[in-house]
Amino acid sequence: MRILLSLQWKSLCLRSFNWLLLLNITLLIGAGPASRFAMGIADTENWDYAELAAVLRQVNSDGMVNYRDLKENRHNLDQFSKRVAKLKPDTFASWGRNERIAFWINAYNGLTLLAIIDNYPIKASFLGSLMYPKNSIRQISGVWDSLRFTVLGEEVTLEYIEHSILRKEFDEPRIHMALVCAARSCPTLRQEPYSGPRLDKQLDDQTRTFLRNSMKFRIDRAEKVVFLSKIFDWFGEDFVDRYGTDQAFRGQDPALRAVLNFISSFLSQSDRSYLKNTAFEVSYLEYDWSLNEQGS
């Protein structure tokens, strides 16, 4: 009798185990990407930036682009555009924060290059030439707010990527050191794509490179003037949450204090000391909208 009961008990346990296993598998298969990510099982896809990397390797050490050659040999850039268009939203949603930021920076920069070669050589309008260089992205009508690209299966503009996604969804002001609008006063285009695991290091490196360029930052000690890129004027508010301070740079508005606090952490000890201990005026540098083209 005990043997029979023991066998019946083992059979019941086995059936219960199998039922629970089947239930777990069913729930896992039926779970959405967010649920699977919460379970520690991120949706994956064979994804890399190989095509964009091949394009960026042709950028010179100053971040300048040979657009004529890129237009004639555009296969890799076109393939990159197709890949960002077809990436599944569920896959993207399973990525970590840095991976998503890197994706959108790469998308913005890559699609900006695509906008240039689709309109290269750039044809300047009469009115546009009165305000901007003839070989400027600003001569391309609607390049930021009308020209549409497909990303994650949805149509977006460059303006939407920058302002409604990167600036709105991520508290990461260093993106302004990475987004390249194809102008000489923009940050320099890296010779490699951004990647999630290396994003912090890459953005810090971008910031140091940006601040070493006298077109974007310099200190005139004789005149006691600190010259800043217009980028810090346009987007100063983005630095307040992470770099805002009430202790340093008093007398300046909160956005400028935050910008100066951000900049200081990337400068030499001498320049950092100057900013923190010297009375100076701030002047924003004229923005050069000339195309970031090799040989220009």
C-alpha atoms as a PDB file:
ATOM      1  CA  MET A   1       0.000   0.000   0.000  1.00  0.00           C
ATOM      2  CA  ARG A   2       2.780   2.416   0.914  1.00  0.00           C
ATOM      3  CA  ILE A   3       4.562   1.561  -2.351  1.00  0.00           C
ATOM      4  CA  LEU A   4       1.388   2.290  -4.350  1.00  0.00           C
ATOM      5  CA  LEU A   5       0.851   5.622  -2.588  1.00  0.00           C
ATOM      6  CA  SER A   6       4.492   6.535  -3.131  1.00  0.00           C
ATOM      7  CA  LEU A   7       4.218   5.832  -6.860  1.00  0.00           C
ATOM      8  CA  GLN A   8       0.986   7.839  -7.094  1.00  0.00           C
ATOM      9  CA  TRP A   9       2.646  10.768  -5.262  1.00  0.00           C
ATOM     10  CA  LYS A  10       5.669  10.732  -7.549  1.00  0.00           C
ATOM     11  CA  SER A  11       3.373  10.651 -10.597  1.00  0.00           C
ATOM     12  CA  LEU A  12       1.400  13.635  -9.256  1.00  0.00           C
ATOM     13  CA  CYS A  13       4.600  15.613  -8.581  1.00  0.00           C
ATOM     14  CA  LEU A  14       5.911  14.884 -12.056  1.00  0.00           C
ATOM     15  CA  ARG A  15       2.639  16.001 -13.678  1.00  0.00           C
ATOM     16  CA  SER A  16       2.658  19.197 -11.570  1.00  0.00           C
ATOM     17  CA  PHE A  17       6.262  19.938 -12.504  1.00  0.00           C
ATOM     18  CA  ASN A  18       5.531  19.429 -16.202  1.00  0.00           C
ATOM     19  CA  TRP A  19       2.430  21.634 -15.965  1.00  0.00           C
ATOM     20  CA  LEU A  20       4.377  24.424 -14.242  1.00  0.00           C
ATOM     21  CA  LEU A  21       7.197  24.173 -16.773  1.00  0.00           C
ATOM     22  CA  LEU A  22       4.711  24.402 -19.651  1.00  0.00           C
ATOM     23  CA  LEU A  23       3.012  27.386 -17.995  1.00  0.00           C
ATOM     24  CA  ASN A  24       6.328  29.241 -17.568  1.00  0.00           C
ATOM     25  CA  ILE A  25       7.302  28.621 -21.178  1.00  0.00           C
ATOM     26  CA  THR A  26       3.903  29.820 -22.373  1.00  0.00           C
ATOM     27  CA  LEU A  27       4.116  32.978 -20.277  1.00  0.00           C
ATOM     28  CA  LEU A  28       7.643  33.695 -21.496  1.00  0.00           C
ATOM     29  CA  ILE A  29       6.688  33.292 -25.137  1.00  0.00           C
ATOM     30  CA  GLY A  30       3.600  35.419 -24.699  1.00  0.00           C
ATOM     31  CA  ALA A  31       5.307  38.140 -22.707  1.00  0.00           C
ATOM     32  CA  GLY A  32       6.025  41.443 -24.384  1.00  0.00           C
ATOM     33  CA  PRO A  33       9.583  42.717 -24.804  1.00  0.00           C
ATOM     34  CA  ALA A  34       9.383  44.797 -21.641  1.00  0.00           C
ATOM     35  CA  SER A  35       8.330  41.748 -19.625  1.00  0.00           C
ATOM     36  CA  ARG A  36      11.118  39.619 -21.055  1.00  0.00           C
ATOM     37  CA  PHE A  37      13.606  42.413 -20.346  1.00  0.00           C
ATOM     38  CA  ALA A  38      12.352  42.567 -16.728  1.00  0.00           C
ATOM     39  CA  MET A  39      12.960  38.820 -16.485  1.00  0.00           C
ATOM     40  CA  GLY A  40      16.555  39.412 -17.528  1.00  0.00           C
ATOM     41  CA  ILE A  41      16.000  37.991 -21.019  1.00  0.00           C
ATOM     42  CA  ALA A  42      16.491  40.914 -23.401  1.00  0.00           C
ATOM     43  CA  ASP A  43      15.233  40.545 -26.945  1.00  0.00           C
ATOM     44  CA  THR A  44      18.297  40.247 -29.183  1.00  0.00           C
ATOM     45  CA  GLU A  45      19.038  40.643 -32.855  1.00  0.00           C
ATOM     46  CA  ASN A  46      22.181  40.426 -34.896  1.00  0.00           C
ATOM     47  CA  TRP A  47      22.852  44.167 -34.799  1.00  0.00           C
ATOM     48  CA  ASP A  48      26.000  46.156 -35.334  1.00  0.00           C
ATOM     49  CA  TYR A  49      27.211  49.363 -36.948  1.00  0.00           C
ATOM     50  CA  ALA A  50      29.519  47.744 -39.500  1.00  0.00           C
ATOM     51  CA  GLU A  51      28.268  49.788 -42.465  1.00  0.00           C
ATOM     52  CA  LEU A  52      28.434  53.086 -40.572  1.00  0.00           C
ATOM     53  CA  ALA A  53      31.882  52.166 -39.256  1.00  0.00           C
ATOM     54  CA  ALA A  54      33.094  51.675 -42.819  1.00  0.00           C
ATOM     55  CA  VAL A  55      31.821  55.153 -43.712  1.00  0.00           C
ATOM     56  CA  LEU A  56      33.351  56.836 -40.667  1.00  0.00           C
ATOM     57  CA  ARG A  57      36.761  55.273 -41.278  1.00  0.00           C
ATOM     58  CA  GLN A  58      36.945  57.519 -44.357  1.00  0.00           C
ATOM     59  CA  VAL A  59      36.547  60.669 -42.234  1.00  0.00           C
ATOM     60  CA  ASN A  60      39.887  62.392 -41.687  1.00  0.00           C
ATOM     61  CA  SER A  61      41.452  63.153 -38.311  1.00  0.00           C
ATOM     62  CA  ASP A  62      39.818  66.595 -38.272  1.00  0.00           C
ATOM     63  CA  GLY A  63      36.364  65.095 -38.751  1.00  0.00           C
ATOM     64  CA  MET A  64      36.072  66.300 -42.344  1.00  0.00           C
ATOM     65  CA  VAL A  65      34.228  64.316 -45.004  1.00  0.00           C
ATOM     66  CA  ASN A  66      34.963  63.680 -48.685  1.00  0.00           C
ATOM     67  CA  TYR A  67      31.348  64.050 -49.817  1.00  0.00           C
ATOM     68  CA  ARG A  68      32.126  63.598 -53.509  1.00  0.00           C
ATOM     69  CA  ASP A  69      33.660  60.199 -52.839  1.00  0.00           C
ATOM     70  CA  LEU A  70      30.915  59.287 -50.363  1.00  0.00           C
ATOM     71  CA  LYS A  71      28.240  60.047 -52.945  1.00  0.00           C
ATOM     72  CA  GLU A  72      29.991  57.877 -55.526  1.00  0.00           C
ATOM     73  CA  ASN A  73      30.507  55.064 -53.016  1.00  0.00           C
ATOM     74  CA  ARG A  74      27.335  55.268 -50.966  1.00  0.00           C
ATOM     75  CA  HIS A  75      26.500  51.569 -50.570  1.00  0.00           C
ATOM     76  CA  ASN A  76      27.505  51.335 -46.907  1.00  0.00           C
ATOM     77  CA  LEU A  77      25.604  54.466 -45.944  1.00  0.00           C
ATOM     78  CA  ASP A  78      22.504  53.276 -47.805  1.00  0.00           C
ATOM     79  CA  GLN A  79      22.743  49.906 -46.053  1.00  0.00           C
ATOM     80  CA  PHE A  80      23.038  51.618 -42.677  1.00  0.00           C
ATOM     81  CA  SER A  81      19.919  53.638 -43.475  1.00  0.00           C
ATOM     82  CA  LYS A  82      18.037  50.437 -44.326  1.00  0.00           C
ATOM     83  CA  ARG A  83      19.171  48.771 -41.107  1.00  0.00           C
ATOM     84  CA  VAL A  84      17.970  51.572 -38.830  1.00  0.00           C
ATOM     85  CA  ALA A  85      14.694  51.576 -40.766  1.00  0.00           C
ATOM     86  CA  LYS A  86      14.116  47.858 -40.231  1.00  0.00           C
ATOM     87  CA  LEU A  87      15.297  47.506 -36.639  1.00  0.00           C
ATOM     88  CA  LYS A  88      12.376  46.128 -34.631  1.00  0.00           C
ATOM     89  CA  PRO A  89      11.015  48.469 -31.938  1.00  0.00           C
ATOM     90  CA  ASP A  90      10.745  45.493 -29.557  1.00  0.00           C
ATOM     91  CA  THR A  91      14.445  44.804 -29.987  1.00  0.00           C
ATOM     92  CA  PHE A  92      15.335  48.446 -29.459  1.00  0.00           C
ATOM     93  CA  ALA A  93      13.147  48.616 -26.335  1.00  0.00           C
ATOM     94  CA  SER A  94      15.136  45.767 -24.772  1.00  0.00           C
ATOM     95  CA  TRP A  95      18.414  47.696 -24.980  1.00  0.00           C
ATOM     96  CA  GLY A  96      19.954  49.593 -22.083  1.00  0.00           C
ATOM     97  CA  ARG A  97      19.986  53.385 -21.813  1.00  0.00           C
ATOM     98  CA  ASN A  98      23.468  53.894 -23.267  1.00  0.00           C
ATOM     99  CA  GLU A  99      22.784  51.565 -26.180  1.00  0.00           C
ATOM    100  CA  ARG A 100      19.674  53.571 -27.041  1.00  0.00           C
ATOM    101  CA  ILE A 101      21.483  56.902 -26.798  1.00  0.00           C
ATOM    102  CA  ALA A 102      24.304  55.582 -28.990  1.00  0.00           C
ATOM    103  CA  PHE A 103      21.777  54.348 -31.541  1.00  0.00           C
ATOM    104  CA  TRP A 104      20.071  57.722 -31.871  1.00  0.00           C
ATOM    105  CA  ILE A 105      23.359  59.642 -32.100  1.00  0.00           C
ATOM    106  CA  ASN A 106      24.552  57.269 -34.825  1.00  0.00           C
ATOM    107  CA  ALA A 107      21.213  57.540 -36.608  1.00  0.00           C
ATOM    108  CA  TYR A 108      21.318  61.352 -36.513  1.00  0.00           C
ATOM    109  CA  ASN A 109      24.891  61.572 -37.768  1.00  0.00           C
ATOM    110  CA  GLY A 110      24.487  58.884 -40.414  1.00  0.00           C
ATOM    111  CA  LEU A 111      21.233  60.292 -41.753  1.00  0.00           C
ATOM    112  CA  THR A 112      22.740  63.787 -41.847  1.00  0.00           C
ATOM    113  CA  LEU A 113      25.482  62.422 -44.109  1.00  0.00           C
ATOM    114  CA  LEU A 114      22.766  60.834 -46.243  1.00  0.00           C
ATOM    115  CA  ALA A 115      20.926  64.165 -46.511  1.00  0.00           C
ATOM    116  CA  ILE A 116      24.128  65.827 -47.715  1.00  0.00           C
ATOM    117  CA  ILE A 117      25.009  63.315 -50.426  1.00  0.00           C
ATOM    118  CA  ASP A 118      21.401  63.210 -51.628  1.00  0.00           C
ATOM    119  CA  ASN A 119      21.754  66.944 -52.282  1.00  0.00           C
ATOM    120  CA  TYR A 120      25.428  67.080 -53.266  1.00  0.00           C
ATOM    121  CA  PRO A 121      26.769  69.237 -54.748  1.00  0.00           C
ATOM    122  CA  ILE A 122      24.654  71.633 -52.712  1.00  0.00           C
ATOM    123  CA  LYS A 123      22.799  74.210 -54.783  1.00  0.00           C
ATOM    124  CA  ALA A 124      22.602  77.532 -52.990  1.00  0.00           C
ATOM    125  CA  SER A 125      19.527  79.708 -53.239  1.00  0.00           C
ATOM    126  CA  PHE A 126      19.810  83.461 -53.765  1.00  0.00           C
ATOM    127  CA  LEU A 127      18.309  84.357 -50.395  1.00  0.00           C
ATOM    128  CA  GLY A 128      20.137  81.537 -48.620  1.00  0.00           C
ATOM    129  CA  SER A 129      23.449  82.789 -49.973  1.00  0.00           C
ATOM    130  CA  LEU A 130      22.846  86.163 -48.349  1.00  0.00           C
ATOM    131  CA  MET A 131      22.778  84.523 -44.909  1.00  0.00           C
ATOM    132  CA  TYR A 132      24.855  81.353 -45.111  1.00  0.00           C
ATOM    133  CA  PRO A 133      27.805  79.913 -47.059  1.00  0.00           C
ATOM    134  CA  LYS A 134      26.907  78.471 -50.454  1.00  0.00           C
ATOM    135  CA  ASN A 135      28.212  75.042 -49.465  1.00  0.00           C
ATOM    136  CA  SER A 136      26.165  74.864 -46.270  1.00  0.00           C
ATOM    137  CA  ILE A 137      23.620  72.334 -45.040  1.00  0.00           C
ATOM    138  CA  ARG A 138      21.430  75.360 -44.410  1.00  0.00           C
ATOM    139  CA  GLN A 139      20.996  75.702 -48.171  1.00  0.00           C
ATOM    140  CA  ILE A 140      19.054  72.414 -48.207  1.00  0.00           C
ATOM    141  CA  SER A 141      15.416  73.382 -47.758  1.00  0.00           C
ATOM    142  CA  GLY A 142      13.694  71.589 -44.866  1.00  0.00           C
ATOM    143  CA  VAL A 143      16.718  69.432 -44.107  1.00  0.00           C
ATOM    144  CA  TRP A 144      15.912  69.296 -40.391  1.00  0.00           C
ATOM    145  CA  ASP A 145      12.164  69.647 -40.146  1.00  0.00           C
ATOM    146  CA  SER A 146      10.740  68.397 -43.454  1.00  0.00           C
ATOM    147  CA  LEU A 147      13.096  65.765 -44.836  1.00  0.00           C
ATOM    148  CA  ARG A 148      11.901  62.400 -43.522  1.00  0.00           C
ATOM    149  CA  PHE A 149      13.751  59.178 -42.792  1.00  0.00           C
ATOM    150  CA  THR A 150      12.471  55.805 -41.615  1.00  0.00           C
ATOM    151  CA  VAL A 151      13.832  54.679 -38.245  1.00  0.00           C
ATOM    152  CA  LEU A 152      12.409  51.734 -36.277  1.00  0.00           C
ATOM    153  CA  GLY A 153       9.671  51.519 -38.891  1.00  0.00           C
ATOM    154  CA  GLU A 154       8.475  55.095 -38.306  1.00  0.00           C
ATOM    155  CA  GLU A 155       9.066  58.290 -40.270  1.00  0.00           C
ATOM    156  CA  VAL A 156      11.101  60.866 -38.349  1.00  0.00           C
ATOM    157  CA  THR A 157      12.994  64.068 -39.073  1.00  0.00           C
ATOM    158  CA  LEU A 158      16.458  65.024 -37.865  1.00  0.00           C
ATOM    159  CA  GLU A 159      14.846  67.705 -35.731  1.00  0.00           C
ATOM    160  CA  TYR A 160      12.594  65.112 -34.108  1.00  0.00           C
ATOM    161  CA  ILE A 161      15.543  62.837 -33.311  1.00  0.00           C
ATOM    162  CA  GLU A 162      17.452  65.677 -31.668  1.00  0.00           C
ATOM    163  CA  HIS A 163      14.753  67.566 -29.810  1.00  0.00           C
ATOM    164  CA  SER A 164      11.929  65.085 -29.173  1.00  0.00           C
ATOM    165  CA  ILE A 165      14.004  61.975 -28.533  1.00  0.00           C
ATOM    166  CA  LEU A 166      17.577  62.669 -27.446  1.00  0.00           C
ATOM    167  CA  ARG A 167      16.996  65.952 -25.586  1.00  0.00           C
ATOM    168  CA  LYS A 168      13.577  65.030 -24.207  1.00  0.00           C
ATOM    169  CA  GLU A 169      13.970  61.390 -23.232  1.00  0.00           C
ATOM    170  CA  PHE A 170      17.563  61.332 -21.969  1.00  0.00           C
ATOM    171  CA  ASP A 171      19.200  63.622 -19.440  1.00  0.00           C
ATOM    172  CA  GLU A 172      22.520  63.601 -21.291  1.00  0.00           C
ATOM    173  CA  PRO A 173      23.771  67.069 -22.320  1.00  0.00           C
ATOM    174  CA  ARG A 174      26.998  65.596 -23.703  1.00  0.00           C
ATOM    175  CA  ILE A 175      25.014  64.648 -26.810  1.00  0.00           C
ATOM    176  CA  HIS A 176      25.673  68.220 -27.938  1.00  0.00           C
ATOM    177  CA  MET A 177      29.346  67.275 -28.256  1.00  0.00           C
ATOM    178  CA  ALA A 178      28.408  64.348 -30.507  1.00  0.00           C
ATOM    179  CA  LEU A 179      25.601  65.426 -32.839  1.00  0.00           C
ATOM    180  CA  VAL A 180      27.160  66.606 -36.097  1.00  0.00           C
ATOM    181  CA  CYS A 181      25.092  68.871 -38.355  1.00  0.00           C
ATOM    182  CA  ALA A 182      27.693  68.834 -41.170  1.00  0.00           C
ATOM    183  CA  ALA A 183      29.079  72.298 -40.377  1.00  0.00           C
ATOM    184  CA  ARG A 184      32.596  73.328 -39.466  1.00  0.00           C
ATOM    185  CA  SER A 185      31.516  74.756 -36.104  1.00  0.00           C
ATOM    186  CA  CYS A 186      29.729  71.523 -35.185  1.00  0.00           C
ATOM    187  CA  PRO A 187      31.477  68.891 -33.094  1.00  0.00           C
ATOM    188  CA  THR A 188      33.882  66.822 -35.161  1.00  0.00           C
ATOM    189  CA  LEU A 189      32.646  63.595 -36.676  1.00  0.00           C
ATOM    190  CA  ARG A 190      34.289  60.624 -34.991  1.00  0.00           C
ATOM    191  CA  GLN A 191      36.067  57.975 -37.017  1.00  0.00           C
ATOM    192  CA  GLU A 192      33.956  55.317 -35.300  1.00  0.00           C
ATOM    193  CA  PRO A 193      30.306  54.804 -34.349  1.00  0.00           C
ATOM    194  CA  TYR A 194      29.136  55.311 -30.777  1.00  0.00           C
ATOM    195  CA  SER A 195      28.460  52.183 -28.754  1.00  0.00           C
ATOM    196  CA  GLY A 196      26.651  51.578 -25.488  1.00  0.00           C
ATOM    197  CA  PRO A 197      29.543  50.031 -23.525  1.00  0.00           C
ATOM    198  CA  ARG A 198      31.943  52.824 -24.539  1.00  0.00           C
ATOM    199  CA  LEU A 199      29.501  55.725 -24.658  1.00  0.00           C
ATOM    200  CA  ASP A 200      30.681  57.590 -21.548  1.00  0.00           C
ATOM    201  CA  LYS A 201      34.307  57.394 -22.612  1.00  0.00           C
ATOM    202  CA  GLN A 202      33.458  58.474 -26.171  1.00  0.00           C
ATOM    203  CA  LEU A 203      31.358  61.443 -25.054  1.00  0.00           C
ATOM    204  CA  ASP A 204      34.059  62.607 -22.642  1.00  0.00           C
ATOM    205  CA  ASP A 205      36.625  62.330 -25.419  1.00  0.00           C
ATOM    206  CA  GLN A 206      34.333  64.276 -27.747  1.00  0.00           C
ATOM    207  CA  THR A 207      34.027  67.027 -25.154  1.00  0.00           C
ATOM    208  CA  ARG A 208      37.795  67.346 -24.735  1.00  0.00           C
ATOM    209  CA  THR A 209      38.263  67.444 -28.506  1.00  0.00           C
ATOM    210  CA  PHE A 210      35.562  70.080 -28.818  1.00  0.00           C
ATOM    211  CA  LEU A 211      37.106  72.314 -26.142  1.00  0.00           C
ATOM    212  CA  ARG A 212      40.596  72.074 -27.669  1.00  0.00           C
ATOM    213  CA  ASN A 213      39.291  73.729 -30.843  1.00  0.00           C
ATOM    214  CA  SER A 214      39.675  77.515 -30.737  1.00  0.00           C
ATOM    215  CA  MET A 215      36.661  77.850 -33.052  1.00  0.00           C
ATOM    216  CA  LYS A 216      34.549  76.429 -30.233  1.00  0.00           C
ATOM    217  CA  PHE A 217      36.232  77.502 -26.999  1.00  0.00           C
ATOM    218  CA  ARG A 218      39.107  79.735 -25.982  1.00  0.00           C
ATOM    219  CA  ILE A 219      40.175  82.074 -23.217  1.00  0.00           C
ATOM    220  CA  ASP A 220      41.577  85.530 -23.906  1.00  0.00           C
ATOM    221  CA  ARG A 221      43.357  86.313 -20.661  1.00  0.00           C
ATOM    222  CA  ALA A 222      44.564  89.725 -21.856  1.00  0.00           C
ATOM    223  CA  GLU A 223      41.015  90.921 -22.553  1.00  0.00           C
ATOM    224  CA  LYS A 224      39.453  88.756 -19.815  1.00  0.00           C
ATOM    225  CA  VAL A 225      36.978  87.196 -22.218  1.00  0.00           C
ATOM    226  CA  VAL A 226      35.895  83.551 -22.388  1.00  0.00           C
ATOM    227  CA  PHE A 227      34.702  82.612 -25.870  1.00  0.00           C
ATOM    228  CA  LEU A 228      32.131  79.833 -26.068  1.00  0.00           C
ATOM    229  CA  SER A 229      30.509  77.964 -28.934  1.00  0.00           C
ATOM    230  CA  LYS A 230      26.979  79.070 -29.780  1.00  0.00           C
ATOM    231  CA  ILE A 231      25.965  75.497 -28.953  1.00  0.00           C
ATOM    232  CA  PHE A 232      26.288  76.402 -25.266  1.00  0.00           C
ATOM    233  CA  ASP A 233      24.073  79.427 -25.856  1.00  0.00           C
ATOM    234  CA  TRP A 234      21.403  77.497 -27.739  1.00  0.00           C
ATOM    235  CA  PHE A 235      21.308  74.519 -25.368  1.00  0.00           C
ATOM    236  CA  GLY A 236      22.574  75.889 -22.055  1.00  0.00           C
ATOM    237  CA  GLU A 237      19.394  74.855 -20.231  1.00  0.00           C
ATOM    238  CA  ASP A 238      20.163  71.203 -20.991  1.00  0.00           C
ATOM    239  CA  PHE A 239      23.172  71.358 -18.659  1.00  0.00           C
ATOM    240  CA  VAL A 240      21.346  72.701 -15.589  1.00  0.00           C
ATOM    241  CA  ASP A 241      19.995  69.446 -14.117  1.00  0.00           C
ATOM    242  CA  ARG A 242      23.347  67.650 -14.123  1.00  0.00           C
ATOM    243  CA  TYR A 243      25.858  70.490 -13.898  1.00  0.00           C
ATOM    244  CA  GLY A 244      23.942  73.334 -12.276  1.00  0.00           C
ATOM    245  CA  THR A 245      25.676  75.040  -9.332  1.00  0.00           C
ATOM    246  CA  ASP A 246      24.956  77.823  -6.863  1.00  0.00           C
ATOM    247  CA  GLN A 247      28.509  77.886  -5.562  1.00  0.00           C
ATOM    248  CA  ALA A 248      30.581  78.832  -8.596  1.00  0.00           C
ATOM    249  CA  PHE A 249      30.356  81.437 -11.353  1.00  0.00           C
ATOM    250  CA  ARG A 250      28.063  83.702  -9.393  1.00  0.00           C
ATOM    251  CA  GLY A 251      26.678  86.636 -11.291  1.00  0.00           C
ATOM    252  CA  GLN A 252      25.902  84.472 -14.323  1.00  0.00           C
ATOM    253  CA  ASP A 253      22.473  83.047 -15.103  1.00  0.00           C
ATOM    254  CA  PRO A 254      21.823  79.402 -14.048  1.00  0.00           C
ATOM    255  CA  ALA A 255      22.266  77.968 -17.559  1.00  0.00           C
ATOM    256  CA  LEU A 256      25.626  79.662 -18.085  1.00  0.00           C
ATOM    257  CA  ARG A 257      26.806  78.632 -14.608  1.00  0.00           C
ATOM    258  CA  ALA A 258      25.947  75.041 -15.494  1.00  0.00           C
ATOM    259  CA  VAL A 259      27.789  75.276 -18.823  1.00  0.00           C
ATOM    260  CA  LEU A 260      30.903  76.746 -17.188  1.00  0.00           C
ATOM    261  CA  ASN A 261      30.778  74.090 -14.479  1.00  0.00           C
ATOM    262  CA  PHE A 262      30.529  71.380 -17.146  1.00  0.00           C
ATOM    263  CA  ILE A 263      33.375  72.843 -19.194  1.00  0.00           C
ATOM    264  CA  SER A 264      35.643  73.256 -16.172  1.00  0.00           C
ATOM    265  CA  SER A 265      35.765  69.534 -15.474  1.00  0.00           C
ATOM    266  CA  PHE A 266      37.402  68.933 -18.877  1.00  0.00           C
ATOM    267  CA  LEU A 267      39.995  71.721 -18.799  1.00  0.00           C
ATOM    268  CA  SER A 268      43.573  71.905 -17.588  1.00  0.00           C
ATOM    269  CA  GLN A 269      44.130  72.925 -13.982  1.00  0.00           C
ATOM    270  CA  SER A 270      45.300  76.359 -15.137  1.00  0.00           C
ATOM    271  CA  ASP A 271      42.202  77.039 -17.242  1.00  0.00           C
ATOM    272  CA  ARG A 272      39.908  75.620 -14.570  1.00  0.00           C
ATOM    273  CA  SER A 273      41.443  77.880 -11.963  1.00  0.00           C
ATOM    274  CA  TYR A 274      41.087  80.886 -14.259  1.00  0.00           C
ATOM    275  CA  LEU A 275      37.372  80.281 -14.774  1.00  0.00           C
ATOM    276  CA  LYS A 276      36.707  79.816 -11.082  1.00  0.00           C
ATOM    277  CA  ASN A 277      38.823  82.647  -9.722  1.00  0.00           C
ATOM    278  CA  THR A 278      38.804  85.418 -12.333  1.00  0.00           C
ATOM    279  CA  ALA A 279      36.159  87.946 -13.328  1.00  0.00           C
ATOM    280  CA  PHE A 280      35.566  87.635 -17.064  1.00  0.00           C
ATOM    281  CA  GLU A 281      33.026  88.322 -19.755  1.00  0.00           C
ATOM    282  CA  VAL A 282      31.488  85.624 -21.925  1.00  0.00           C
ATOM    283  CA  SER A 283      31.234  86.035 -25.684  1.00  0.00           C
ATOM    284  CA  TYR A 284      29.699  83.511 -28.061  1.00  0.00           C
ATOM    285  CA  LEU A 285      31.694  82.675 -31.155  1.00  0.00           C
ATOM    286  CA  GLU A 286      30.295  83.175 -34.627  1.00  0.00           C
ATOM    287  CA  TYR A 287      29.016  79.872 -35.977  1.00  0.00           C
ATOM    288  CA  ASP A 288      30.636  78.724 -39.218  1.00  0.00           C
ATOM    289  CA  TRP A 289      27.976  76.917 -41.241  1.00  0.00           C
ATOM    290  CA  SER A 290      30.391  75.975 -44.028  1.00  0.00           C
ATOM    291  CA  LEU A 291      30.174  72.296 -44.948  1.00  0.00           C
ATOM    292  CA  ASN A 292      32.540  70.013 -43.030  1.00  0.00           C
ATOM    293  CA  GLU A 293      34.080  68.939 -46.324  1.00  0.00           C
ATOM    294  CA  GLN A 294      37.641  67.834 -46.921  1.00  0.00           C
ATOM    295  CA  GLY A 295      39.513  70.450 -48.885  1.00  0.00           C
ATOM    296  CA  SER A 296      37.007  73.226 -48.158  1.00  0.00           C
END
